[in-house]
N, C-alpha and C. Protein backbone atom coordinates (compact mmCIF):
# COMPACT_ATOMS: atom_id res chain seq x y z
N VAL A 1 -75.63 -58.96 -166.11
CA VAL A 1 -75.26 -60.48 -166.63
C VAL A 1 -76.08 -60.71 -167.79
N GLN A 2 -75.52 -61.50 -168.76
CA GLN A 2 -76.19 -61.87 -169.98
C GLN A 2 -75.74 -63.18 -170.27
N LEU A 3 -76.66 -63.86 -170.89
CA LEU A 3 -76.12 -65.30 -171.45
C LEU A 3 -76.45 -65.10 -172.85
N GLN A 4 -75.59 -65.41 -173.76
CA GLN A 4 -75.59 -65.34 -175.13
C GLN A 4 -75.51 -66.73 -175.76
N ALA A 5 -76.47 -67.25 -176.40
CA ALA A 5 -76.48 -68.68 -176.94
C ALA A 5 -76.35 -68.44 -178.54
N SER A 6 -75.65 -69.38 -179.20
CA SER A 6 -75.52 -69.58 -180.41
C SER A 6 -75.40 -71.07 -180.79
N GLY A 7 -75.55 -71.32 -182.21
CA GLY A 7 -75.20 -72.49 -182.80
C GLY A 7 -76.63 -73.24 -183.33
N GLY A 8 -77.69 -72.69 -183.10
CA GLY A 8 -78.77 -73.44 -183.54
C GLY A 8 -78.72 -73.34 -185.17
N GLY A 9 -79.73 -73.98 -185.72
CA GLY A 9 -79.86 -74.02 -187.12
C GLY A 9 -80.70 -75.12 -187.67
N LEU A 10 -80.73 -75.41 -189.02
CA LEU A 10 -81.37 -76.47 -189.90
C LEU A 10 -80.45 -77.65 -190.08
N VAL A 11 -80.93 -78.80 -189.59
CA VAL A 11 -80.11 -80.09 -189.93
C VAL A 11 -80.93 -81.01 -190.38
N GLN A 12 -80.50 -81.89 -191.14
CA GLN A 12 -81.25 -83.23 -191.41
C GLN A 12 -81.34 -84.22 -190.21
N ALA A 13 -82.23 -84.93 -190.25
CA ALA A 13 -82.41 -86.16 -189.19
C ALA A 13 -80.98 -86.85 -189.34
N GLY A 14 -80.52 -87.30 -188.20
CA GLY A 14 -79.30 -88.10 -188.21
C GLY A 14 -78.03 -87.19 -188.12
N GLY A 15 -78.09 -85.95 -188.26
CA GLY A 15 -77.14 -84.85 -188.28
C GLY A 15 -76.71 -84.39 -186.83
N SER A 16 -75.92 -83.38 -186.86
CA SER A 16 -75.27 -83.09 -185.45
C SER A 16 -75.31 -81.31 -185.37
N LEU A 17 -75.39 -80.81 -184.16
CA LEU A 17 -75.28 -79.49 -184.05
C LEU A 17 -74.62 -79.24 -182.81
N ARG A 18 -73.90 -78.17 -182.52
CA ARG A 18 -73.42 -77.76 -181.25
C ARG A 18 -73.86 -76.46 -180.88
N LEU A 19 -74.35 -76.44 -179.60
CA LEU A 19 -74.78 -75.03 -179.10
C LEU A 19 -73.71 -74.66 -177.99
N SER A 20 -73.67 -73.33 -177.92
CA SER A 20 -72.64 -72.71 -177.11
C SER A 20 -73.50 -71.62 -176.30
N CYS A 21 -73.17 -71.41 -174.98
CA CYS A 21 -73.77 -70.34 -174.39
C CYS A 21 -72.83 -69.63 -173.39
N ALA A 22 -72.30 -68.34 -173.46
CA ALA A 22 -71.55 -67.66 -172.75
C ALA A 22 -72.20 -66.76 -171.76
N ALA A 23 -71.73 -66.79 -170.48
CA ALA A 23 -72.34 -65.77 -169.61
C ALA A 23 -71.20 -64.71 -169.37
N SER A 24 -71.60 -63.41 -169.36
CA SER A 24 -70.94 -62.33 -169.25
C SER A 24 -71.45 -61.31 -168.33
N GLY A 25 -70.63 -60.40 -167.82
CA GLY A 25 -71.08 -59.29 -166.94
C GLY A 25 -70.51 -59.35 -165.59
N ASN A 26 -71.29 -58.72 -164.58
CA ASN A 26 -70.72 -58.78 -163.23
C ASN A 26 -70.89 -59.87 -162.45
N ILE A 27 -70.18 -60.90 -162.59
CA ILE A 27 -70.16 -62.37 -162.23
C ILE A 27 -68.99 -62.47 -161.21
N PHE A 28 -69.58 -63.14 -160.14
CA PHE A 28 -68.43 -63.61 -159.18
C PHE A 28 -68.12 -65.22 -159.37
N ILE A 29 -69.04 -65.89 -159.67
CA ILE A 29 -69.09 -67.24 -160.04
C ILE A 29 -70.18 -67.92 -160.71
N VAL A 30 -69.97 -68.78 -161.59
CA VAL A 30 -71.42 -69.49 -162.32
C VAL A 30 -71.31 -70.95 -161.80
N ASN A 31 -72.36 -71.25 -161.21
CA ASN A 31 -72.71 -72.35 -160.68
C ASN A 31 -73.28 -73.46 -161.54
N ALA A 32 -74.46 -73.95 -161.35
CA ALA A 32 -74.93 -74.83 -162.36
C ALA A 32 -75.31 -74.31 -163.72
N MET A 33 -75.18 -74.91 -164.62
CA MET A 33 -75.54 -74.38 -165.93
C MET A 33 -76.44 -75.62 -166.69
N GLY A 34 -77.13 -75.17 -167.81
CA GLY A 34 -78.18 -76.17 -168.41
C GLY A 34 -78.61 -75.87 -169.67
N TRP A 35 -79.26 -76.67 -170.37
CA TRP A 35 -80.06 -76.41 -171.39
C TRP A 35 -81.40 -76.97 -171.35
N TYR A 36 -82.18 -76.09 -171.97
CA TYR A 36 -83.77 -76.42 -171.84
C TYR A 36 -84.31 -76.15 -173.27
N ARG A 37 -85.44 -76.83 -173.45
CA ARG A 37 -85.89 -76.60 -174.84
C ARG A 37 -87.55 -76.64 -174.75
N GLN A 38 -88.06 -75.82 -175.72
CA GLN A 38 -89.55 -75.57 -175.80
C GLN A 38 -89.93 -75.85 -177.13
N ALA A 39 -90.78 -77.02 -177.44
CA ALA A 39 -91.12 -77.12 -178.79
C ALA A 39 -92.48 -76.41 -178.87
N ARG A 40 -92.93 -76.17 -180.27
CA ARG A 40 -94.11 -75.47 -180.32
C ARG A 40 -95.32 -76.03 -179.71
N GLY A 41 -96.08 -75.38 -178.88
CA GLY A 41 -97.38 -75.78 -178.17
C GLY A 41 -96.95 -76.62 -177.01
N LYS A 42 -95.70 -76.73 -176.58
CA LYS A 42 -95.51 -77.63 -175.37
C LYS A 42 -94.67 -76.74 -174.47
N GLN A 43 -94.59 -77.44 -173.33
CA GLN A 43 -94.01 -76.55 -172.31
C GLN A 43 -92.48 -76.70 -172.17
N ARG A 44 -91.83 -75.66 -171.75
CA ARG A 44 -90.22 -75.88 -171.60
C ARG A 44 -89.88 -77.07 -170.72
N GLU A 45 -88.89 -77.69 -171.06
CA GLU A 45 -88.45 -78.81 -170.46
C GLU A 45 -86.92 -78.92 -170.22
N PRO A 46 -86.28 -79.57 -169.27
CA PRO A 46 -84.95 -79.70 -169.25
C PRO A 46 -84.38 -80.66 -170.31
N VAL A 47 -83.09 -80.35 -170.77
CA VAL A 47 -82.42 -81.11 -171.52
C VAL A 47 -81.28 -81.83 -170.92
N ALA A 48 -80.43 -80.96 -170.43
CA ALA A 48 -79.24 -81.42 -169.70
C ALA A 48 -78.83 -80.27 -169.04
N THR A 49 -78.19 -80.74 -167.76
CA THR A 49 -77.63 -79.75 -166.71
C THR A 49 -76.23 -80.20 -166.38
N ILE A 50 -75.46 -79.27 -165.92
CA ILE A 50 -74.01 -79.71 -165.49
C ILE A 50 -73.61 -78.82 -164.32
N THR A 51 -73.11 -79.50 -163.28
CA THR A 51 -72.60 -78.65 -162.12
C THR A 51 -71.40 -77.98 -162.52
N ARG A 52 -70.95 -77.10 -161.49
CA ARG A 52 -69.58 -76.40 -161.71
C ARG A 52 -68.57 -77.54 -161.74
N GLY A 53 -68.74 -78.58 -161.07
CA GLY A 53 -67.50 -79.54 -160.79
C GLY A 53 -67.81 -80.69 -162.08
N GLY A 54 -68.77 -80.61 -162.76
CA GLY A 54 -68.96 -81.37 -164.05
C GLY A 54 -69.91 -82.57 -163.95
N GLY A 55 -70.57 -82.67 -162.93
CA GLY A 55 -71.59 -83.55 -162.76
C GLY A 55 -72.68 -83.09 -163.72
N THR A 56 -73.18 -84.24 -164.52
CA THR A 56 -74.33 -84.04 -165.49
C THR A 56 -75.43 -84.84 -165.33
N ASN A 57 -76.61 -84.38 -165.56
CA ASN A 57 -77.89 -85.14 -165.80
C ASN A 57 -78.45 -84.71 -167.23
N TYR A 58 -79.19 -85.94 -167.82
CA TYR A 58 -79.77 -85.85 -168.92
C TYR A 58 -81.29 -86.03 -168.97
N ALA A 59 -82.01 -85.56 -169.80
CA ALA A 59 -83.33 -86.00 -170.10
C ALA A 59 -83.37 -87.49 -170.58
N ASP A 60 -84.23 -88.29 -170.33
CA ASP A 60 -84.21 -89.69 -170.98
C ASP A 60 -84.06 -89.75 -172.58
N SER A 61 -84.77 -88.65 -173.16
CA SER A 61 -85.10 -88.73 -174.52
C SER A 61 -83.61 -88.25 -175.24
N VAL A 62 -82.75 -87.90 -174.53
CA VAL A 62 -81.40 -87.27 -175.22
C VAL A 62 -80.16 -88.26 -174.71
N LYS A 63 -80.45 -88.95 -173.79
CA LYS A 63 -79.13 -89.82 -173.43
C LYS A 63 -78.77 -90.60 -174.50
N GLY A 64 -77.18 -90.62 -174.54
CA GLY A 64 -76.68 -91.16 -175.53
C GLY A 64 -76.44 -90.78 -176.89
N ARG A 65 -77.12 -89.38 -176.97
CA ARG A 65 -77.19 -88.57 -178.15
C ARG A 65 -76.54 -87.19 -178.00
N PHE A 66 -76.91 -86.63 -176.66
CA PHE A 66 -76.45 -85.31 -176.43
C PHE A 66 -75.20 -85.45 -175.29
N THR A 67 -74.51 -84.18 -175.47
CA THR A 67 -73.26 -84.46 -174.36
C THR A 67 -73.26 -82.68 -174.11
N ILE A 68 -73.38 -82.56 -172.78
CA ILE A 68 -73.21 -81.31 -172.19
C ILE A 68 -71.73 -81.19 -171.59
N SER A 69 -71.25 -79.98 -171.74
CA SER A 69 -69.81 -79.67 -171.10
C SER A 69 -69.87 -78.21 -170.91
N ARG A 70 -68.84 -77.92 -170.20
CA ARG A 70 -68.44 -76.66 -169.85
C ARG A 70 -67.20 -76.12 -169.69
N ASP A 71 -66.90 -74.85 -169.76
CA ASP A 71 -65.46 -74.20 -169.64
C ASP A 71 -65.55 -73.22 -168.68
N ASN A 72 -65.18 -73.58 -167.42
CA ASN A 72 -65.27 -72.64 -166.33
C ASN A 72 -64.50 -71.35 -166.53
N ALA A 73 -63.35 -71.48 -167.18
CA ALA A 73 -62.63 -70.25 -167.19
C ALA A 73 -63.36 -69.41 -168.43
N ARG A 74 -64.15 -69.77 -169.09
CA ARG A 74 -64.93 -68.92 -170.17
C ARG A 74 -66.22 -68.83 -169.74
N ASN A 75 -66.64 -69.19 -168.69
CA ASN A 75 -68.26 -69.25 -168.08
C ASN A 75 -69.12 -69.61 -169.42
N THR A 76 -68.74 -70.76 -170.04
CA THR A 76 -69.41 -71.13 -171.22
C THR A 76 -69.98 -72.47 -171.04
N VAL A 77 -71.16 -72.86 -171.36
CA VAL A 77 -71.65 -74.24 -171.43
C VAL A 77 -71.80 -74.62 -173.16
N TYR A 78 -71.78 -75.82 -173.26
CA TYR A 78 -71.79 -76.20 -174.63
C TYR A 78 -72.85 -77.56 -174.55
N LEU A 79 -73.64 -77.73 -175.74
CA LEU A 79 -74.45 -78.88 -175.89
C LEU A 79 -74.06 -79.57 -177.33
N GLN A 80 -73.43 -80.83 -177.24
CA GLN A 80 -73.09 -81.44 -178.53
C GLN A 80 -74.28 -82.26 -178.90
N MET A 81 -75.03 -82.23 -179.82
CA MET A 81 -76.23 -82.86 -180.23
C MET A 81 -76.01 -83.79 -181.53
N ASN A 82 -75.94 -85.09 -181.26
CA ASN A 82 -75.66 -85.98 -182.35
C ASN A 82 -76.92 -86.80 -182.59
N SER A 83 -77.15 -87.44 -183.75
CA SER A 83 -78.08 -88.34 -184.17
C SER A 83 -79.42 -87.43 -184.02
N LEU A 84 -79.75 -86.31 -184.28
CA LEU A 84 -80.92 -85.63 -184.21
C LEU A 84 -81.96 -86.25 -184.86
N LYS A 85 -83.20 -85.91 -184.14
CA LYS A 85 -84.33 -86.44 -184.57
C LYS A 85 -85.50 -85.29 -184.93
N PRO A 86 -86.33 -85.39 -185.73
CA PRO A 86 -87.33 -84.31 -185.75
C PRO A 86 -87.83 -83.98 -184.64
N GLU A 87 -88.24 -84.93 -183.66
CA GLU A 87 -88.60 -84.48 -182.30
C GLU A 87 -87.81 -83.73 -181.51
N ASP A 88 -86.45 -83.37 -181.89
CA ASP A 88 -85.68 -82.67 -181.14
C ASP A 88 -85.76 -81.04 -181.72
N THR A 89 -86.76 -80.98 -182.54
CA THR A 89 -87.07 -79.66 -183.14
C THR A 89 -87.49 -78.82 -181.91
N ALA A 90 -86.85 -77.59 -181.60
CA ALA A 90 -87.42 -76.90 -180.60
C ALA A 90 -86.60 -75.40 -180.36
N VAL A 91 -86.98 -74.63 -179.78
CA VAL A 91 -86.12 -73.40 -179.23
C VAL A 91 -85.34 -73.72 -178.04
N TYR A 92 -84.10 -73.84 -178.15
CA TYR A 92 -83.25 -74.19 -176.86
C TYR A 92 -82.82 -73.05 -176.24
N TYR A 93 -82.88 -73.18 -174.85
CA TYR A 93 -82.45 -72.01 -173.91
C TYR A 93 -81.43 -72.52 -173.07
N CYS A 94 -80.47 -71.72 -172.82
CA CYS A 94 -79.38 -72.02 -171.76
C CYS A 94 -79.89 -71.34 -170.44
N HIS A 95 -79.45 -71.95 -169.34
CA HIS A 95 -79.75 -71.40 -168.06
C HIS A 95 -78.71 -71.44 -167.18
N ALA A 96 -78.49 -70.50 -166.43
CA ALA A 96 -77.25 -70.57 -165.46
C ALA A 96 -77.54 -69.89 -163.99
N LEU A 97 -77.11 -70.51 -162.94
CA LEU A 97 -77.34 -70.16 -161.63
C LEU A 97 -75.93 -69.35 -161.41
N ILE A 98 -76.10 -67.98 -161.26
CA ILE A 98 -74.81 -67.04 -161.21
C ILE A 98 -74.95 -66.35 -159.71
N MET A 99 -73.63 -66.43 -159.28
CA MET A 99 -73.43 -65.75 -158.06
C MET A 99 -72.78 -64.36 -158.18
N ARG A 100 -73.56 -63.27 -157.83
CA ARG A 100 -73.06 -61.99 -158.17
C ARG A 100 -71.93 -61.45 -156.84
N PRO A 101 -71.34 -60.69 -157.19
CA PRO A 101 -70.29 -60.20 -156.10
C PRO A 101 -70.91 -59.89 -154.82
N SER A 102 -72.25 -59.61 -154.80
CA SER A 102 -72.98 -59.49 -153.69
C SER A 102 -73.20 -60.79 -152.92
N SER A 103 -72.79 -61.81 -153.39
CA SER A 103 -72.88 -63.30 -152.77
C SER A 103 -74.35 -63.82 -153.00
N ARG A 104 -75.22 -63.14 -153.59
CA ARG A 104 -76.50 -63.68 -153.95
C ARG A 104 -76.51 -64.43 -155.33
N GLU A 105 -77.55 -65.55 -155.20
CA GLU A 105 -77.34 -66.21 -156.54
C GLU A 105 -78.61 -66.07 -157.28
N TYR A 106 -78.57 -65.91 -158.71
CA TYR A 106 -79.81 -65.47 -159.40
C TYR A 106 -79.83 -66.56 -160.58
N ASP A 107 -81.15 -66.71 -160.95
CA ASP A 107 -81.36 -67.47 -162.27
C ASP A 107 -81.12 -66.66 -163.48
N TYR A 108 -80.57 -66.93 -164.37
CA TYR A 108 -80.47 -66.28 -165.76
C TYR A 108 -80.82 -67.21 -166.80
N TRP A 109 -81.36 -66.60 -168.04
CA TRP A 109 -81.63 -67.34 -169.14
C TRP A 109 -81.14 -66.61 -170.37
N GLY A 110 -80.78 -67.40 -171.40
CA GLY A 110 -80.33 -66.87 -172.58
C GLY A 110 -81.63 -66.74 -173.56
N GLN A 111 -81.33 -66.02 -174.74
CA GLN A 111 -82.41 -65.58 -175.53
C GLN A 111 -83.13 -66.75 -176.31
N GLY A 112 -82.51 -67.86 -176.28
CA GLY A 112 -83.19 -69.07 -177.09
C GLY A 112 -82.32 -69.13 -178.49
N THR A 113 -82.26 -70.30 -179.05
CA THR A 113 -81.65 -70.48 -180.23
C THR A 113 -82.66 -71.55 -180.90
N LEU A 114 -82.95 -71.48 -182.22
CA LEU A 114 -83.89 -72.47 -182.89
C LEU A 114 -83.04 -73.70 -183.39
N VAL A 115 -83.46 -74.79 -183.08
CA VAL A 115 -83.01 -76.05 -183.78
C VAL A 115 -84.10 -76.52 -184.56
N THR A 116 -83.93 -76.80 -185.77
CA THR A 116 -85.00 -77.53 -186.69
C THR A 116 -84.39 -78.61 -187.32
N VAL A 117 -84.99 -79.86 -186.91
CA VAL A 117 -84.37 -81.09 -187.60
C VAL A 117 -85.48 -81.57 -188.58
N SER A 118 -85.26 -81.64 -189.93
CA SER A 118 -85.89 -82.02 -190.94
C SER A 118 -86.02 -83.61 -191.07
N SER A 119 -86.92 -84.25 -191.55
CA SER A 119 -87.00 -85.70 -191.62
C SER A 119 -86.66 -86.12 -193.09
């Protein structure tokens, strides 16, 4: 199983980016998915999560600016980031709880994609 993230880049403050992350491999079902970020010198922190049914949670720092969504048919999660701020600069990692055909659930992480917001 792999999580392949894309969509990071350099953007000016106030701009927008959209991250995508697709799960592939020997998957029975993808349950919760989410995005986390790690800024230089800081610990990884949750940004937004979404259940298979579409229930969402957001970090207070991104509420009203970021929107998480998913396409269950494509096993893909998205993060639309608007009104970006320099403090949003970080490596963004996607995460998924995936049930394998063995009926066991595992944690998987994507490789990380860098988002840089210039002031």
